[in-house]
Amino acid sequence: MIRAFAFSALLAALASGAGAQSLAQNNATMFAQIQKVHRLTAAQMQRIQQIFAASGLMGQGNPGPTRHPMTPAQCAARVPGGPAAYSNPRFEAICGNKYMAPLYDPRTQQPEDAKACIDMFEFPNIPCTYPVTWVRANEAAQICSAMGKRMCDAHEWEGACAGALEPPDYPFGAGSVATMRSIHNNRYAGSKTWAYGPNFRTGVCAQDSNKSPGCNGGDFRACGTNTYPTGAFPNCTSGLKVYDLHGNAAEHMNLPMNPNQMASAGSTSLGVTEMKGSWFIWDKYRAHEDWCRWRAPYWHGSKVMSGSSHRNYHLGFRCCSTVN
């Protein structure tokens, strides 16, 4: 049953002219894709639909202002071999799920040595679909759990991007997010890298879209999620075969503040929010750094599991899983 605040959110969407009916229709289509591709149970799908219903805004963008620069069919046509070419039976055997990539260090390990995996694409983790946005961090964690996965820790996303998973490097004794961030960024500043190479490049990732005219930075009525289909830029990949880590949608991650908050160690209470990557206008406007191991300032910071954690038109997520 939809809670009262969710019903209010739906009414607000209707009142804003946001096209709540179209949003619901788009979500229904996406739910069918998710169930078919990821082979979820009826109970899993029911839980995911409940989380979306409680949000009232979550989906692949407000259909009113959203103008996607590429269709799923155009994406399929530009991917060599089509979307099916992204299937990797070796990775699926390791991770136990479709479209996931093992996290490991190629300098000393093989994919089979991985203890964790990460979604190859932003949720819904299906190539040539649009990423989900307007999602809060706690909702992302809940959806990952419903999928039989979990939220990623910051170092896991960073390893996926840099092409080598390194041991967790959280200076827990530093005392604050800002100090921890400074220690970490100073450590890696001399070896900056992007998923696709050592220097930032335009034209490689899903970053040449446009911000909606009149978008003031976070208005559901005015700000379109003008994303590309996931996987539409096959060269926007890391050495571990993880895609769209730059551009398209920025991504919620967990930043543990103590060892008991690490998702990779089994925590479900989690730490504080960390935003990873960049979004769909980056070729035209780089608002901040987005190299692989860069940790962001504490923008819109909150506990990951806070019911008021930040959501926006360019902010999505992907999931990780622990290899048993």
C-alpha atoms as a PDB file:
ATOM      1  CA  MET A   1       0.000   0.000   0.000  1.00  0.00           C
ATOM      2  CA  ILE A   2       1.394   3.421  -0.977  1.00  0.00           C
ATOM      3  CA  ARG A   3       2.157   5.508   2.076  1.00  0.00           C
ATOM      4  CA  ALA A   4       0.654   8.979   2.530  1.00  0.00           C
ATOM      5  CA  PHE A   5       3.811  10.868   1.577  1.00  0.00           C
ATOM      6  CA  ALA A   6       4.103   8.861  -1.628  1.00  0.00           C
ATOM      7  CA  PHE A   7       0.516   9.695  -2.569  1.00  0.00           C
ATOM      8  CA  SER A   8       1.308  13.359  -1.946  1.00  0.00           C
ATOM      9  CA  ALA A   9       4.323  13.083  -4.242  1.00  0.00           C
ATOM     10  CA  LEU A  10       2.164  11.631  -6.981  1.00  0.00           C
ATOM     11  CA  LEU A  11      -0.350  14.456  -6.572  1.00  0.00           C
ATOM     12  CA  ALA A  12       2.466  16.988  -6.751  1.00  0.00           C
ATOM     13  CA  ALA A  13       3.703  15.414  -9.974  1.00  0.00           C
ATOM     14  CA  LEU A  14       0.217  15.617 -11.449  1.00  0.00           C
ATOM     15  CA  ALA A  15      -0.218  19.204 -10.346  1.00  0.00           C
ATOM     16  CA  SER A  16       3.114  20.156 -11.885  1.00  0.00           C
ATOM     17  CA  GLY A  17       2.096  18.880 -15.285  1.00  0.00           C
ATOM     18  CA  ALA A  18       4.888  16.335 -15.041  1.00  0.00           C
ATOM     19  CA  GLY A  19       2.889  13.598 -16.703  1.00  0.00           C
ATOM     20  CA  ALA A  20       2.622  11.163 -13.805  1.00  0.00           C
ATOM     21  CA  GLN A  21       0.607   8.810 -15.980  1.00  0.00           C
ATOM     22  CA  SER A  22       3.412   8.704 -18.552  1.00  0.00           C
ATOM     23  CA  LEU A  23       5.945   8.190 -15.780  1.00  0.00           C
ATOM     24  CA  ALA A  24       3.906   5.248 -14.516  1.00  0.00           C
ATOM     25  CA  GLN A  25       3.665   3.831 -18.029  1.00  0.00           C
ATOM     26  CA  ASN A  26       7.411   4.188 -18.566  1.00  0.00           C
ATOM     27  CA  ASN A  27       8.080   2.491 -15.246  1.00  0.00           C
ATOM     28  CA  ALA A  28       5.710  -0.365 -16.085  1.00  0.00           C
ATOM     29  CA  THR A  29       7.635  -0.983 -19.309  1.00  0.00           C
ATOM     30  CA  MET A  30      10.915  -0.899 -17.408  1.00  0.00           C
ATOM     31  CA  PHE A  31       9.627  -3.299 -14.734  1.00  0.00           C
ATOM     32  CA  ALA A  32       8.765  -5.811 -17.448  1.00  0.00           C
ATOM     33  CA  GLN A  33      12.304  -5.488 -18.852  1.00  0.00           C
ATOM     34  CA  ILE A  34      13.837  -5.922 -15.410  1.00  0.00           C
ATOM     35  CA  GLN A  35      11.861  -9.066 -14.657  1.00  0.00           C
ATOM     36  CA  LYS A  36      12.636 -10.606 -18.041  1.00  0.00           C
ATOM     37  CA  VAL A  37      16.349  -9.792 -18.182  1.00  0.00           C
ATOM     38  CA  HIS A  38      17.246 -10.311 -14.526  1.00  0.00           C
ATOM     39  CA  ARG A  39      14.817 -13.209 -13.976  1.00  0.00           C
ATOM     40  CA  LEU A  40      13.413 -11.871 -10.713  1.00  0.00           C
ATOM     41  CA  THR A  41      10.741 -13.554  -8.666  1.00  0.00           C
ATOM     42  CA  ALA A  42       7.268 -12.108  -8.237  1.00  0.00           C
ATOM     43  CA  ALA A  43       8.169 -11.167  -4.659  1.00  0.00           C
ATOM     44  CA  GLN A  44      11.287  -9.298  -5.802  1.00  0.00           C
ATOM     45  CA  MET A  45       9.347  -7.386  -8.432  1.00  0.00           C
ATOM     46  CA  GLN A  46       6.632  -6.511  -5.944  1.00  0.00           C
ATOM     47  CA  ARG A  47       9.221  -5.066  -3.571  1.00  0.00           C
ATOM     48  CA  ILE A  48      10.877  -3.008  -6.325  1.00  0.00           C
ATOM     49  CA  GLN A  49       7.519  -1.658  -7.452  1.00  0.00           C
ATOM     50  CA  GLN A  50       6.676  -0.717  -3.860  1.00  0.00           C
ATOM     51  CA  ILE A  51       9.902   1.300  -3.577  1.00  0.00           C
ATOM     52  CA  PHE A  52       9.146   3.147  -6.820  1.00  0.00           C
ATOM     53  CA  ALA A  53       5.539   3.772  -5.771  1.00  0.00           C
ATOM     54  CA  ALA A  54       6.656   5.200  -2.418  1.00  0.00           C
ATOM     55  CA  SER A  55       8.910   7.658  -4.253  1.00  0.00           C
ATOM     56  CA  GLY A  56       6.380   9.015  -6.733  1.00  0.00           C
ATOM     57  CA  LEU A  57       9.203  10.622  -8.766  1.00  0.00           C
ATOM     58  CA  MET A  58      11.674   7.828  -9.403  1.00  0.00           C
ATOM     59  CA  GLY A  59      12.018   6.621 -12.979  1.00  0.00           C
ATOM     60  CA  GLN A  60      13.947   7.315 -16.168  1.00  0.00           C
ATOM     61  CA  GLY A  61      13.183  11.029 -15.969  1.00  0.00           C
ATOM     62  CA  ASN A  62      10.136  13.258 -15.886  1.00  0.00           C
ATOM     63  CA  PRO A  63       8.585  12.623 -19.330  1.00  0.00           C
ATOM     64  CA  GLY A  64       7.489  16.255 -19.573  1.00  0.00           C
ATOM     65  CA  PRO A  65      10.832  18.096 -19.871  1.00  0.00           C
ATOM     66  CA  THR A  66      13.027  15.074 -20.675  1.00  0.00           C
ATOM     67  CA  ARG A  67      14.543  15.007 -24.173  1.00  0.00           C
ATOM     68  CA  HIS A  68      16.769  11.970 -24.686  1.00  0.00           C
ATOM     69  CA  PRO A  69      19.372  12.599 -27.417  1.00  0.00           C
ATOM     70  CA  MET A  70      19.338   8.964 -28.545  1.00  0.00           C
ATOM     71  CA  THR A  71      16.709   6.236 -28.710  1.00  0.00           C
ATOM     72  CA  PRO A  72      17.214   2.648 -27.529  1.00  0.00           C
ATOM     73  CA  ALA A  73      16.976   1.537 -31.178  1.00  0.00           C
ATOM     74  CA  GLN A  74      19.744   3.960 -32.163  1.00  0.00           C
ATOM     75  CA  CYS A  75      21.829   2.630 -29.278  1.00  0.00           C
ATOM     76  CA  ALA A  76      21.326  -0.944 -30.437  1.00  0.00           C
ATOM     77  CA  ALA A  77      22.387  -0.003 -33.965  1.00  0.00           C
ATOM     78  CA  ARG A  78      25.671   1.581 -32.847  1.00  0.00           C
ATOM     79  CA  VAL A  79      26.788  -1.199 -30.475  1.00  0.00           C
ATOM     80  CA  PRO A  80      28.856  -3.776 -32.396  1.00  0.00           C
ATOM     81  CA  GLY A  81      26.859  -6.980 -32.288  1.00  0.00           C
ATOM     82  CA  GLY A  82      23.916  -5.207 -30.640  1.00  0.00           C
ATOM     83  CA  PRO A  83      23.040  -5.157 -26.920  1.00  0.00           C
ATOM     84  CA  ALA A  84      23.335  -8.952 -26.689  1.00  0.00           C
ATOM     85  CA  ALA A  85      27.079  -8.562 -27.287  1.00  0.00           C
ATOM     86  CA  TYR A  86      27.405  -7.201 -23.746  1.00  0.00           C
ATOM     87  CA  SER A  87      26.516 -10.610 -22.315  1.00  0.00           C
ATOM     88  CA  ASN A  88      29.550 -12.307 -20.795  1.00  0.00           C
ATOM     89  CA  PRO A  89      29.028 -15.964 -19.789  1.00  0.00           C
ATOM     90  CA  ARG A  90      32.326 -16.037 -17.886  1.00  0.00           C
ATOM     91  CA  PHE A  91      31.361 -13.025 -15.789  1.00  0.00           C
ATOM     92  CA  GLU A  92      27.834 -14.371 -15.283  1.00  0.00           C
ATOM     93  CA  ALA A  93      29.232 -17.645 -13.925  1.00  0.00           C
ATOM     94  CA  ILE A  94      31.423 -15.738 -11.452  1.00  0.00           C
ATOM     95  CA  CYS A  95      28.870 -13.151 -10.363  1.00  0.00           C
ATOM     96  CA  GLY A  96      25.722 -15.245 -10.569  1.00  0.00           C
ATOM     97  CA  ASN A  97      23.863 -12.430 -12.324  1.00  0.00           C
ATOM     98  CA  LYS A  98      23.583 -11.065 -15.834  1.00  0.00           C
ATOM     99  CA  TYR A  99      25.475  -7.902 -16.771  1.00  0.00           C
ATOM    100  CA  MET A 100      27.794  -7.828 -13.785  1.00  0.00           C
ATOM    101  CA  ALA A 101      31.587  -7.555 -13.838  1.00  0.00           C
ATOM    102  CA  PRO A 102      34.011  -9.092 -11.324  1.00  0.00           C
ATOM    103  CA  LEU A 103      36.050  -6.657  -9.221  1.00  0.00           C
ATOM    104  CA  TYR A 104      39.688  -7.711  -8.964  1.00  0.00           C
ATOM    105  CA  ASP A 105      43.253  -6.513  -9.602  1.00  0.00           C
ATOM    106  CA  PRO A 106      44.436  -7.704 -13.044  1.00  0.00           C
ATOM    107  CA  ARG A 107      48.042  -7.122 -12.012  1.00  0.00           C
ATOM    108  CA  THR A 108      47.910 -10.109  -9.655  1.00  0.00           C
ATOM    109  CA  GLN A 109      44.508 -11.761 -10.108  1.00  0.00           C
ATOM    110  CA  GLN A 110      42.075 -13.318 -12.559  1.00  0.00           C
ATOM    111  CA  PRO A 111      38.318 -12.583 -12.702  1.00  0.00           C
ATOM    112  CA  GLU A 112      37.672 -15.844 -10.837  1.00  0.00           C
ATOM    113  CA  ASP A 113      39.571 -14.425  -7.850  1.00  0.00           C
ATOM    114  CA  ALA A 114      36.978 -11.683  -7.378  1.00  0.00           C
ATOM    115  CA  LYS A 115      35.199 -11.410  -4.036  1.00  0.00           C
ATOM    116  CA  ALA A 116      32.725  -8.834  -5.346  1.00  0.00           C
ATOM    117  CA  CYS A 117      31.002  -7.811  -8.578  1.00  0.00           C
ATOM    118  CA  ILE A 118      29.503  -4.567  -9.859  1.00  0.00           C
ATOM    119  CA  ASP A 119      26.728  -3.829 -12.346  1.00  0.00           C
ATOM    120  CA  MET A 120      28.137  -3.195 -15.797  1.00  0.00           C
ATOM    121  CA  PHE A 121      25.569  -0.431 -16.352  1.00  0.00           C
ATOM    122  CA  GLU A 122      23.601   2.053 -14.291  1.00  0.00           C
ATOM    123  CA  PHE A 123      20.332   0.685 -12.931  1.00  0.00           C
ATOM    124  CA  PRO A 124      18.253  -0.999 -14.333  1.00  0.00           C
ATOM    125  CA  ASN A 125      21.533  -2.532 -15.571  1.00  0.00           C
ATOM    126  CA  ILE A 126      20.198  -3.419 -19.003  1.00  0.00           C
ATOM    127  CA  PRO A 127      22.095  -2.231 -22.104  1.00  0.00           C
ATOM    128  CA  CYS A 128      20.321   0.310 -24.292  1.00  0.00           C
ATOM    129  CA  THR A 129      17.865   1.398 -21.602  1.00  0.00           C
ATOM    130  CA  TYR A 130      17.783   4.782 -19.866  1.00  0.00           C
ATOM    131  CA  PRO A 131      19.181   4.971 -16.319  1.00  0.00           C
ATOM    132  CA  VAL A 132      16.877   5.541 -13.362  1.00  0.00           C
ATOM    133  CA  THR A 133      17.168   8.945 -11.664  1.00  0.00           C
ATOM    134  CA  TRP A 134      15.344  10.955  -8.979  1.00  0.00           C
ATOM    135  CA  VAL A 135      16.373   8.195  -6.589  1.00  0.00           C
ATOM    136  CA  ARG A 136      17.450   8.743  -2.997  1.00  0.00           C
ATOM    137  CA  ALA A 137      20.450   6.870  -1.592  1.00  0.00           C
ATOM    138  CA  ASN A 138      18.288   4.864   0.798  1.00  0.00           C
ATOM    139  CA  GLU A 139      16.001   3.889  -2.102  1.00  0.00           C
ATOM    140  CA  ALA A 140      19.029   2.786  -4.118  1.00  0.00           C
ATOM    141  CA  ALA A 141      20.152   0.592  -1.217  1.00  0.00           C
ATOM    142  CA  GLN A 142      16.656  -0.877  -0.891  1.00  0.00           C
ATOM    143  CA  ILE A 143      16.397  -1.627  -4.617  1.00  0.00           C
ATOM    144  CA  CYS A 144      19.814  -3.280  -4.659  1.00  0.00           C
ATOM    145  CA  SER A 145      18.710  -5.442  -1.728  1.00  0.00           C
ATOM    146  CA  ALA A 146      15.497  -6.378  -3.542  1.00  0.00           C
ATOM    147  CA  MET A 147      17.622  -7.425  -6.515  1.00  0.00           C
ATOM    148  CA  GLY A 148      19.614  -9.753  -4.262  1.00  0.00           C
ATOM    149  CA  LYS A 149      22.560  -7.353  -4.369  1.00  0.00           C
ATOM    150  CA  ARG A 150      23.816  -4.485  -2.217  1.00  0.00           C
ATOM    151  CA  MET A 151      25.027  -0.929  -2.464  1.00  0.00           C
ATOM    152  CA  CYS A 152      28.642  -0.449  -3.497  1.00  0.00           C
ATOM    153  CA  ASP A 153      31.314   1.000  -1.259  1.00  0.00           C
ATOM    154  CA  ALA A 154      33.190   3.982  -2.688  1.00  0.00           C
ATOM    155  CA  HIS A 155      36.443   2.052  -3.186  1.00  0.00           C
ATOM    156  CA  GLU A 156      34.628  -0.622  -5.216  1.00  0.00           C
ATOM    157  CA  TRP A 157      33.282   1.934  -7.703  1.00  0.00           C
ATOM    158  CA  GLU A 158      36.729   3.536  -7.867  1.00  0.00           C
ATOM    159  CA  GLY A 159      38.387   0.188  -8.597  1.00  0.00           C
ATOM    160  CA  ALA A 160      35.821  -0.614 -11.271  1.00  0.00           C
ATOM    161  CA  CYS A 161      36.588   2.713 -12.921  1.00  0.00           C
ATOM    162  CA  ALA A 162      40.382   2.625 -12.577  1.00  0.00           C
ATOM    163  CA  GLY A 163      40.516  -0.960 -13.815  1.00  0.00           C
ATOM    164  CA  ALA A 164      41.974  -2.457 -10.638  1.00  0.00           C
ATOM    165  CA  LEU A 165      40.306  -3.064  -7.282  1.00  0.00           C
ATOM    166  CA  GLU A 166      42.629  -2.040  -4.480  1.00  0.00           C
ATOM    167  CA  PRO A 167      42.166  -2.771  -0.760  1.00  0.00           C
ATOM    168  CA  PRO A 168      39.819  -0.451   1.150  1.00  0.00           C
ATOM    169  CA  ASP A 169      41.687   2.750   1.994  1.00  0.00           C
ATOM    170  CA  TYR A 170      39.366   4.631   4.331  1.00  0.00           C
ATOM    171  CA  PRO A 171      41.370   6.623   6.933  1.00  0.00           C
ATOM    172  CA  PHE A 172      38.743   5.969   9.596  1.00  0.00           C
ATOM    173  CA  GLY A 173      40.670   7.734  12.349  1.00  0.00           C
ATOM    174  CA  ALA A 174      40.653  11.046  10.478  1.00  0.00           C
ATOM    175  CA  GLY A 175      37.398  12.064  12.080  1.00  0.00           C
ATOM    176  CA  SER A 176      35.473  13.843   9.300  1.00  0.00           C
ATOM    177  CA  VAL A 177      34.369  13.331   5.726  1.00  0.00           C
ATOM    178  CA  ALA A 178      36.421  16.329   4.604  1.00  0.00           C
ATOM    179  CA  THR A 179      39.642  15.098   6.230  1.00  0.00           C
ATOM    180  CA  MET A 180      39.151  11.543   4.991  1.00  0.00           C
ATOM    181  CA  ARG A 181      38.492  12.904   1.493  1.00  0.00           C
ATOM    182  CA  SER A 182      41.610  15.063   1.549  1.00  0.00           C
ATOM    183  CA  ILE A 183      43.861  12.197   2.637  1.00  0.00           C
ATOM    184  CA  HIS A 184      42.454   9.914  -0.038  1.00  0.00           C
ATOM    185  CA  ASN A 185      42.531  12.445  -2.897  1.00  0.00           C
ATOM    186  CA  ASN A 186      46.066  13.545  -2.086  1.00  0.00           C
ATOM    187  CA  ARG A 187      47.150   9.925  -2.260  1.00  0.00           C
ATOM    188  CA  TYR A 188      45.811   9.454  -5.790  1.00  0.00           C
ATOM    189  CA  ALA A 189      46.096  12.946  -7.303  1.00  0.00           C
ATOM    190  CA  GLY A 190      49.422  12.148  -8.948  1.00  0.00           C
ATOM    191  CA  SER A 191      48.019   9.124 -10.771  1.00  0.00           C
ATOM    192  CA  LYS A 192      44.702  10.429 -12.099  1.00  0.00           C
ATOM    193  CA  THR A 193      42.981   8.219 -14.606  1.00  0.00           C
ATOM    194  CA  TRP A 194      39.615   7.958 -16.282  1.00  0.00           C
ATOM    195  CA  ALA A 195      37.935   4.662 -17.151  1.00  0.00           C
ATOM    196  CA  TYR A 196      39.083   4.938 -20.767  1.00  0.00           C
ATOM    197  CA  GLY A 197      42.600   6.281 -20.200  1.00  0.00           C
ATOM    198  CA  PRO A 198      44.975   8.684 -18.435  1.00  0.00           C
ATOM    199  CA  ASN A 199      43.416  11.925 -19.707  1.00  0.00           C
ATOM    200  CA  PHE A 200      39.910  13.384 -19.876  1.00  0.00           C
ATOM    201  CA  ARG A 201      38.473  13.214 -23.395  1.00  0.00           C
ATOM    202  CA  THR A 202      35.284  14.475 -24.965  1.00  0.00           C
ATOM    203  CA  GLY A 203      33.196  12.352 -27.309  1.00  0.00           C
ATOM    204  CA  VAL A 204      33.980   9.083 -25.533  1.00  0.00           C
ATOM    205  CA  CYS A 205      31.156   8.852 -23.005  1.00  0.00           C
ATOM    206  CA  ALA A 206      27.471   9.829 -22.754  1.00  0.00           C
ATOM    207  CA  GLN A 207      28.310  13.455 -21.995  1.00  0.00           C
ATOM    208  CA  ASP A 208      27.268  15.606 -24.972  1.00  0.00           C
ATOM    209  CA  SER A 209      23.590  16.058 -24.112  1.00  0.00           C
ATOM    210  CA  ASN A 210      22.010  19.301 -22.892  1.00  0.00           C
ATOM    211  CA  LYS A 211      20.467  20.667 -19.741  1.00  0.00           C
ATOM    212  CA  SER A 212      16.791  21.526 -20.102  1.00  0.00           C
ATOM    213  CA  PRO A 213      16.106  25.217 -20.770  1.00  0.00           C
ATOM    214  CA  GLY A 214      14.903  26.742 -17.520  1.00  0.00           C
ATOM    215  CA  CYS A 215      16.284  23.960 -15.315  1.00  0.00           C
ATOM    216  CA  ASN A 216      17.279  25.623 -12.054  1.00  0.00           C
ATOM    217  CA  GLY A 217      19.262  22.710 -10.710  1.00  0.00           C
ATOM    218  CA  GLY A 218      16.687  20.457  -9.117  1.00  0.00           C
ATOM    219  CA  ASP A 219      13.096  21.150 -10.147  1.00  0.00           C
ATOM    220  CA  PHE A 220      11.189  18.014 -11.183  1.00  0.00           C
ATOM    221  CA  ARG A 221       8.881  20.149 -13.313  1.00  0.00           C
ATOM    222  CA  ALA A 222      11.678  21.857 -15.261  1.00  0.00           C
ATOM    223  CA  CYS A 223      14.685  19.544 -15.308  1.00  0.00           C
ATOM    224  CA  GLY A 224      14.715  16.741 -17.833  1.00  0.00           C
ATOM    225  CA  THR A 225      16.819  13.621 -17.394  1.00  0.00           C
ATOM    226  CA  ASN A 226      18.344  14.046 -20.848  1.00  0.00           C
ATOM    227  CA  THR A 227      20.389  10.868 -20.707  1.00  0.00           C
ATOM    228  CA  TYR A 228      21.552   8.429 -23.359  1.00  0.00           C
ATOM    229  CA  PRO A 229      20.727   4.724 -23.286  1.00  0.00           C
ATOM    230  CA  THR A 230      23.231   2.819 -21.174  1.00  0.00           C
ATOM    231  CA  GLY A 231      26.062   1.214 -23.106  1.00  0.00           C
ATOM    232  CA  ALA A 232      25.490   3.501 -26.099  1.00  0.00           C
ATOM    233  CA  PHE A 233      29.185   4.442 -26.008  1.00  0.00           C
ATOM    234  CA  PRO A 234      31.065   1.116 -26.103  1.00  0.00           C
ATOM    235  CA  ASN A 235      34.444   2.846 -25.658  1.00  0.00           C
ATOM    236  CA  CYS A 236      33.312   4.410 -22.388  1.00  0.00           C
ATOM    237  CA  THR A 237      34.470   1.383 -20.456  1.00  0.00           C
ATOM    238  CA  SER A 238      37.106   0.492 -17.927  1.00  0.00           C
ATOM    239  CA  GLY A 239      39.631  -2.310 -18.004  1.00  0.00           C
ATOM    240  CA  LEU A 240      37.192  -4.350 -15.921  1.00  0.00           C
ATOM    241  CA  LYS A 241      34.446  -3.919 -18.555  1.00  0.00           C
ATOM    242  CA  VAL A 242      32.226  -1.564 -16.581  1.00  0.00           C
ATOM    243  CA  TYR A 243      30.411   1.084 -18.621  1.00  0.00           C
ATOM    244  CA  ASP A 244      29.143   4.666 -18.269  1.00  0.00           C
ATOM    245  CA  LEU A 245      31.193   5.428 -15.183  1.00  0.00           C
ATOM    246  CA  HIS A 246      31.553   8.919 -16.626  1.00  0.00           C
ATOM    247  CA  GLY A 247      28.559  10.766 -18.018  1.00  0.00           C
ATOM    248  CA  ASN A 248      24.921   9.730 -18.277  1.00  0.00           C
ATOM    249  CA  ALA A 249      23.975   9.753 -14.564  1.00  0.00           C
ATOM    250  CA  ALA A 250      26.059  10.404 -11.486  1.00  0.00           C
ATOM    251  CA  GLU A 251      25.800   7.568  -8.969  1.00  0.00           C
ATOM    252  CA  HIS A 252      25.051   7.093  -5.274  1.00  0.00           C
ATOM    253  CA  MET A 253      27.667   5.119  -3.355  1.00  0.00           C
ATOM    254  CA  ASN A 254      28.305   4.286   0.296  1.00  0.00           C
ATOM    255  CA  LEU A 255      31.166   6.040   2.083  1.00  0.00           C
ATOM    256  CA  PRO A 256      31.810   4.142   5.330  1.00  0.00           C
ATOM    257  CA  MET A 257      32.932   6.236   8.285  1.00  0.00           C
ATOM    258  CA  ASN A 258      33.981   3.209  10.320  1.00  0.00           C
ATOM    259  CA  PRO A 259      34.615  -0.481   9.559  1.00  0.00           C
ATOM    260  CA  ASN A 260      31.101  -1.439  10.675  1.00  0.00           C
ATOM    261  CA  GLN A 261      29.560   0.629   7.879  1.00  0.00           C
ATOM    262  CA  MET A 262      31.189  -1.160   4.930  1.00  0.00           C
ATOM    263  CA  ALA A 263      28.640  -2.718   2.582  1.00  0.00           C
ATOM    264  CA  SER A 264      31.375  -4.996   1.271  1.00  0.00           C
ATOM    265  CA  ALA A 265      31.784  -6.371   4.809  1.00  0.00           C
ATOM    266  CA  GLY A 266      28.072  -7.045   5.188  1.00  0.00           C
ATOM    267  CA  SER A 267      26.808  -3.811   6.747  1.00  0.00           C
ATOM    268  CA  THR A 268      23.213  -2.797   6.080  1.00  0.00           C
ATOM    269  CA  SER A 269      23.304   0.314   8.285  1.00  0.00           C
ATOM    270  CA  LEU A 270      25.911   1.846   5.935  1.00  0.00           C
ATOM    271  CA  GLY A 271      27.742   5.157   6.158  1.00  0.00           C
ATOM    272  CA  VAL A 272      27.250   8.498   4.445  1.00  0.00           C
ATOM    273  CA  THR A 273      26.477   9.436   0.871  1.00  0.00           C
ATOM    274  CA  GLU A 274      29.164   9.713  -1.799  1.00  0.00           C
ATOM    275  CA  MET A 275      28.389  10.842  -5.364  1.00  0.00           C
ATOM    276  CA  LYS A 276      30.458   9.199  -8.070  1.00  0.00           C
ATOM    277  CA  GLY A 277      31.160  10.009 -11.705  1.00  0.00           C
ATOM    278  CA  SER A 278      29.640  12.781 -13.767  1.00  0.00           C
ATOM    279  CA  TRP A 279      26.546  13.316 -15.864  1.00  0.00           C
ATOM    280  CA  PHE A 280      25.187  13.945 -19.318  1.00  0.00           C
ATOM    281  CA  ILE A 281      26.469  17.497 -20.063  1.00  0.00           C
ATOM    282  CA  TRP A 282      30.120  16.947 -19.130  1.00  0.00           C
ATOM    283  CA  ASP A 283      31.566  17.497 -22.608  1.00  0.00           C
ATOM    284  CA  LYS A 284      30.172  21.051 -22.400  1.00  0.00           C
ATOM    285  CA  TYR A 285      30.365  21.830 -18.704  1.00  0.00           C
ATOM    286  CA  ARG A 286      32.647  20.145 -16.179  1.00  0.00           C
ATOM    287  CA  ALA A 287      31.316  21.223 -12.798  1.00  0.00           C
ATOM    288  CA  HIS A 288      33.864  19.260 -10.765  1.00  0.00           C
ATOM    289  CA  GLU A 289      36.518  16.572 -11.047  1.00  0.00           C
ATOM    290  CA  ASP A 290      35.445  13.106 -12.137  1.00  0.00           C
ATOM    291  CA  TRP A 291      38.616  11.036 -12.354  1.00  0.00           C
ATOM    292  CA  CYS A 292      38.229   7.504 -11.143  1.00  0.00           C
ATOM    293  CA  ARG A 293      39.542   7.591  -7.597  1.00  0.00           C
ATOM    294  CA  TRP A 294      38.420  11.162  -6.846  1.00  0.00           C
ATOM    295  CA  ARG A 295      36.119  11.485  -3.848  1.00  0.00           C
ATOM    296  CA  ALA A 296      33.645  14.334  -3.934  1.00  0.00           C
ATOM    297  CA  PRO A 297      32.958  17.011  -1.323  1.00  0.00           C
ATOM    298  CA  TYR A 298      30.089  16.227   1.015  1.00  0.00           C
ATOM    299  CA  TRP A 299      27.440  17.676  -1.319  1.00  0.00           C
ATOM    300  CA  HIS A 300      23.882  17.263  -0.017  1.00  0.00           C
ATOM    301  CA  GLY A 301      25.483  14.912   2.491  1.00  0.00           C
ATOM    302  CA  SER A 302      23.447  12.616   4.704  1.00  0.00           C
ATOM    303  CA  LYS A 303      23.413   9.117   6.060  1.00  0.00           C
ATOM    304  CA  VAL A 304      22.884   6.703   3.174  1.00  0.00           C
ATOM    305  CA  MET A 305      19.793   5.275   4.836  1.00  0.00           C
ATOM    306  CA  SER A 306      18.242   8.659   5.616  1.00  0.00           C
ATOM    307  CA  GLY A 307      14.742   9.016   4.207  1.00  0.00           C
ATOM    308  CA  SER A 308      15.615  12.532   3.110  1.00  0.00           C
ATOM    309  CA  SER A 309      18.872  11.773   1.279  1.00  0.00           C
ATOM    310  CA  HIS A 310      19.405  13.756  -1.898  1.00  0.00           C
ATOM    311  CA  ARG A 311      17.732  13.032  -5.235  1.00  0.00           C
ATOM    312  CA  ASN A 312      17.991  14.846  -8.537  1.00  0.00           C
ATOM    313  CA  TYR A 313      17.409  14.598 -12.277  1.00  0.00           C
ATOM    314  CA  HIS A 314      20.997  13.537 -13.018  1.00  0.00           C
ATOM    315  CA  LEU A 315      21.600  11.212 -10.068  1.00  0.00           C
ATOM    316  CA  GLY A 316      21.216   7.436 -10.279  1.00  0.00           C
ATOM    317  CA  PHE A 317      23.026   4.352  -9.009  1.00  0.00           C
ATOM    318  CA  ARG A 318      24.345   0.882  -9.735  1.00  0.00           C
ATOM    319  CA  CYS A 319      24.592  -2.142  -7.444  1.00  0.00           C
ATOM    320  CA  CYS A 320      27.338  -4.460  -6.267  1.00  0.00           C
ATOM    321  CA  SER A 321      27.223  -8.014  -4.969  1.00  0.00           C
ATOM    322  CA  THR A 322      29.418 -10.178  -2.778  1.00  0.00           C
ATOM    323  CA  VAL A 323      30.747 -13.360  -4.390  1.00  0.00           C
ATOM    324  CA  ASN A 324      30.085 -16.317  -2.151  1.00  0.00           C
END
